[in-house]
Amino acid sequence: MKQFHSFYICIDAMKKGFQQGCRRCIGLDEVFSKRNLHILANWSQNWKGIERRKKIWACARSTFEAQFKYNINALSKMRTCIVKSLRKYNKEKWCKAFF
């Protein structure tokens, strides 16, 4: 009876195939997280707190415009000037709904 002695998988080829073919379809992008961390770091210098951080990530993870508006409204209930400072950033760069 024949038996495998070893098995090799080329992860790099799978990664490149995913990046070229599937990433756009399902909306995953590692740059998304890096842009958001940068924006959150700048934004949180003025606006601190765990609840604010949770709400900003909810806005960033929104996949539909209606969901984004709902999350922005929830954030504005904390303070309207928070949303004004957040809108200075181009939402196409940090919100999934506008990629």
C-alpha atoms as a PDB file:
ATOM      1  CA  MET A   1       0.000   0.000   0.000  1.00  0.00           C
ATOM      2  CA  LYS A   2       1.334   3.434  -0.990  1.00  0.00           C
ATOM      3  CA  GLN A   3       1.463   6.149   1.604  1.00  0.00           C
ATOM      4  CA  PHE A   4       2.384   9.842   1.653  1.00  0.00           C
ATOM      5  CA  HIS A   5       5.617  10.635   3.420  1.00  0.00           C
ATOM      6  CA  SER A   6       5.313  14.374   3.134  1.00  0.00           C
ATOM      7  CA  PHE A   7       2.998  17.055   1.842  1.00  0.00           C
ATOM      8  CA  TYR A   8       3.831  20.536   0.554  1.00  0.00           C
ATOM      9  CA  ILE A   9       1.477  23.515   0.139  1.00  0.00           C
ATOM     10  CA  CYS A  10       2.642  26.726  -1.452  1.00  0.00           C
ATOM     11  CA  ILE A  11       0.972  29.397   0.668  1.00  0.00           C
ATOM     12  CA  ASP A  12       2.421  32.247  -1.386  1.00  0.00           C
ATOM     13  CA  ALA A  13       0.630  31.071  -4.548  1.00  0.00           C
ATOM     14  CA  MET A  14      -2.680  30.832  -2.660  1.00  0.00           C
ATOM     15  CA  LYS A  15      -2.157  34.299  -1.183  1.00  0.00           C
ATOM     16  CA  LYS A  16      -1.449  35.832  -4.597  1.00  0.00           C
ATOM     17  CA  GLY A  17      -4.441  34.062  -6.127  1.00  0.00           C
ATOM     18  CA  PHE A  18      -6.687  35.348  -3.358  1.00  0.00           C
ATOM     19  CA  GLN A  19      -5.371  38.891  -3.719  1.00  0.00           C
ATOM     20  CA  GLN A  20      -5.855  38.919  -7.472  1.00  0.00           C
ATOM     21  CA  GLY A  21      -9.190  37.156  -7.646  1.00  0.00           C
ATOM     22  CA  CYS A  22     -11.214  37.166  -4.462  1.00  0.00           C
ATOM     23  CA  ARG A  23     -10.278  40.206  -2.426  1.00  0.00           C
ATOM     24  CA  ARG A  24     -12.370  42.617  -4.474  1.00  0.00           C
ATOM     25  CA  CYS A  25     -15.389  40.320  -4.353  1.00  0.00           C
ATOM     26  CA  ILE A  26     -15.567  39.955  -0.588  1.00  0.00           C
ATOM     27  CA  GLY A  27     -14.129  43.334   0.372  1.00  0.00           C
ATOM     28  CA  LEU A  28     -11.098  42.315   2.417  1.00  0.00           C
ATOM     29  CA  ASP A  29      -8.149  44.628   2.338  1.00  0.00           C
ATOM     30  CA  GLU A  30      -5.305  44.807   4.815  1.00  0.00           C
ATOM     31  CA  VAL A  31      -4.879  48.465   3.931  1.00  0.00           C
ATOM     32  CA  PHE A  32      -8.376  49.034   5.354  1.00  0.00           C
ATOM     33  CA  SER A  33      -7.173  48.199   8.868  1.00  0.00           C
ATOM     34  CA  LYS A  34      -3.957  50.196   8.535  1.00  0.00           C
ATOM     35  CA  ARG A  35      -5.803  53.320   7.261  1.00  0.00           C
ATOM     36  CA  ASN A  36      -8.308  53.001  10.085  1.00  0.00           C
ATOM     37  CA  LEU A  37      -5.629  52.608  12.743  1.00  0.00           C
ATOM     38  CA  HIS A  38      -3.932  55.749  11.469  1.00  0.00           C
ATOM     39  CA  ILE A  39      -7.185  57.729  11.407  1.00  0.00           C
ATOM     40  CA  LEU A  40      -8.255  56.377  14.800  1.00  0.00           C
ATOM     41  CA  ALA A  41      -4.889  57.298  16.312  1.00  0.00           C
ATOM     42  CA  ASN A  42      -5.210  60.880  15.069  1.00  0.00           C
ATOM     43  CA  TRP A  43      -8.891  61.132  15.930  1.00  0.00           C
ATOM     44  CA  SER A  44      -8.527  59.679  19.428  1.00  0.00           C
ATOM     45  CA  GLN A  45      -6.031  62.361  20.449  1.00  0.00           C
ATOM     46  CA  ASN A  46      -9.014  64.662  20.866  1.00  0.00           C
ATOM     47  CA  TRP A  47     -11.772  62.117  21.550  1.00  0.00           C
ATOM     48  CA  LYS A  48     -10.989  59.458  24.123  1.00  0.00           C
ATOM     49  CA  GLY A  49     -13.066  56.608  25.484  1.00  0.00           C
ATOM     50  CA  ILE A  50     -13.880  52.998  24.783  1.00  0.00           C
ATOM     51  CA  GLU A  51     -17.471  53.682  23.690  1.00  0.00           C
ATOM     52  CA  ARG A  52     -16.320  56.259  21.149  1.00  0.00           C
ATOM     53  CA  ARG A  53     -13.721  53.822  19.855  1.00  0.00           C
ATOM     54  CA  LYS A  54     -16.353  51.083  19.482  1.00  0.00           C
ATOM     55  CA  LYS A  55     -18.651  53.425  17.609  1.00  0.00           C
ATOM     56  CA  ILE A  56     -15.936  54.633  15.234  1.00  0.00           C
ATOM     57  CA  TRP A  57     -15.069  50.999  14.403  1.00  0.00           C
ATOM     58  CA  ALA A  58     -18.773  50.289  13.838  1.00  0.00           C
ATOM     59  CA  CYS A  59     -18.803  53.150  11.333  1.00  0.00           C
ATOM     60  CA  ALA A  60     -15.650  51.864   9.633  1.00  0.00           C
ATOM     61  CA  ARG A  61     -16.973  48.294   9.389  1.00  0.00           C
ATOM     62  CA  SER A  62     -20.281  49.382   7.891  1.00  0.00           C
ATOM     63  CA  THR A  63     -20.765  47.609   4.568  1.00  0.00           C
ATOM     64  CA  PHE A  64     -23.825  49.532   3.385  1.00  0.00           C
ATOM     65  CA  GLU A  65     -24.424  53.266   3.247  1.00  0.00           C
ATOM     66  CA  ALA A  66     -27.601  52.931   5.348  1.00  0.00           C
ATOM     67  CA  GLN A  67     -25.671  51.058   8.023  1.00  0.00           C
ATOM     68  CA  PHE A  68     -22.980  53.753   7.940  1.00  0.00           C
ATOM     69  CA  LYS A  69     -25.588  56.494   8.423  1.00  0.00           C
ATOM     70  CA  TYR A  70     -27.109  54.573  11.334  1.00  0.00           C
ATOM     71  CA  ASN A  71     -23.696  54.226  13.008  1.00  0.00           C
ATOM     72  CA  ILE A  72     -22.806  57.878  12.376  1.00  0.00           C
ATOM     73  CA  ASN A  73     -26.102  58.903  13.991  1.00  0.00           C
ATOM     74  CA  ALA A  74     -25.304  56.720  17.009  1.00  0.00           C
ATOM     75  CA  LEU A  75     -21.894  58.395  17.239  1.00  0.00           C
ATOM     76  CA  SER A  76     -23.392  61.873  16.909  1.00  0.00           C
ATOM     77  CA  LYS A  77     -25.627  61.209  19.924  1.00  0.00           C
ATOM     78  CA  MET A  78     -22.468  61.257  22.014  1.00  0.00           C
ATOM     79  CA  ARG A  79     -21.470  64.676  20.610  1.00  0.00           C
ATOM     80  CA  THR A  80     -22.090  66.222  17.209  1.00  0.00           C
ATOM     81  CA  CYS A  81     -18.624  67.769  17.043  1.00  0.00           C
ATOM     82  CA  ILE A  82     -17.182  64.229  17.093  1.00  0.00           C
ATOM     83  CA  VAL A  83     -18.831  63.485  13.761  1.00  0.00           C
ATOM     84  CA  LYS A  84     -17.724  66.831  12.330  1.00  0.00           C
ATOM     85  CA  SER A  85     -14.106  66.034  13.144  1.00  0.00           C
ATOM     86  CA  LEU A  86     -14.481  62.547  11.665  1.00  0.00           C
ATOM     87  CA  ARG A  87     -15.975  63.843   8.418  1.00  0.00           C
ATOM     88  CA  LYS A  88     -12.741  65.713   7.726  1.00  0.00           C
ATOM     89  CA  TYR A  89     -11.336  62.335   6.648  1.00  0.00           C
ATOM     90  CA  ASN A  90     -12.298  60.997   3.230  1.00  0.00           C
ATOM     91  CA  LYS A  91     -14.790  58.191   3.963  1.00  0.00           C
ATOM     92  CA  GLU A  92     -13.702  56.335   0.812  1.00  0.00           C
ATOM     93  CA  LYS A  93     -10.406  55.699   2.611  1.00  0.00           C
ATOM     94  CA  TRP A  94     -11.693  54.333   5.898  1.00  0.00           C
ATOM     95  CA  CYS A  95     -15.257  52.989   5.543  1.00  0.00           C
ATOM     96  CA  LYS A  96     -15.989  49.670   3.813  1.00  0.00           C
ATOM     97  CA  ALA A  97     -19.314  50.931   2.497  1.00  0.00           C
ATOM     98  CA  PHE A  98     -17.521  53.398   0.234  1.00  0.00           C
ATOM     99  CA  PHE A  99     -14.591  51.301  -1.044  1.00  0.00           C
END
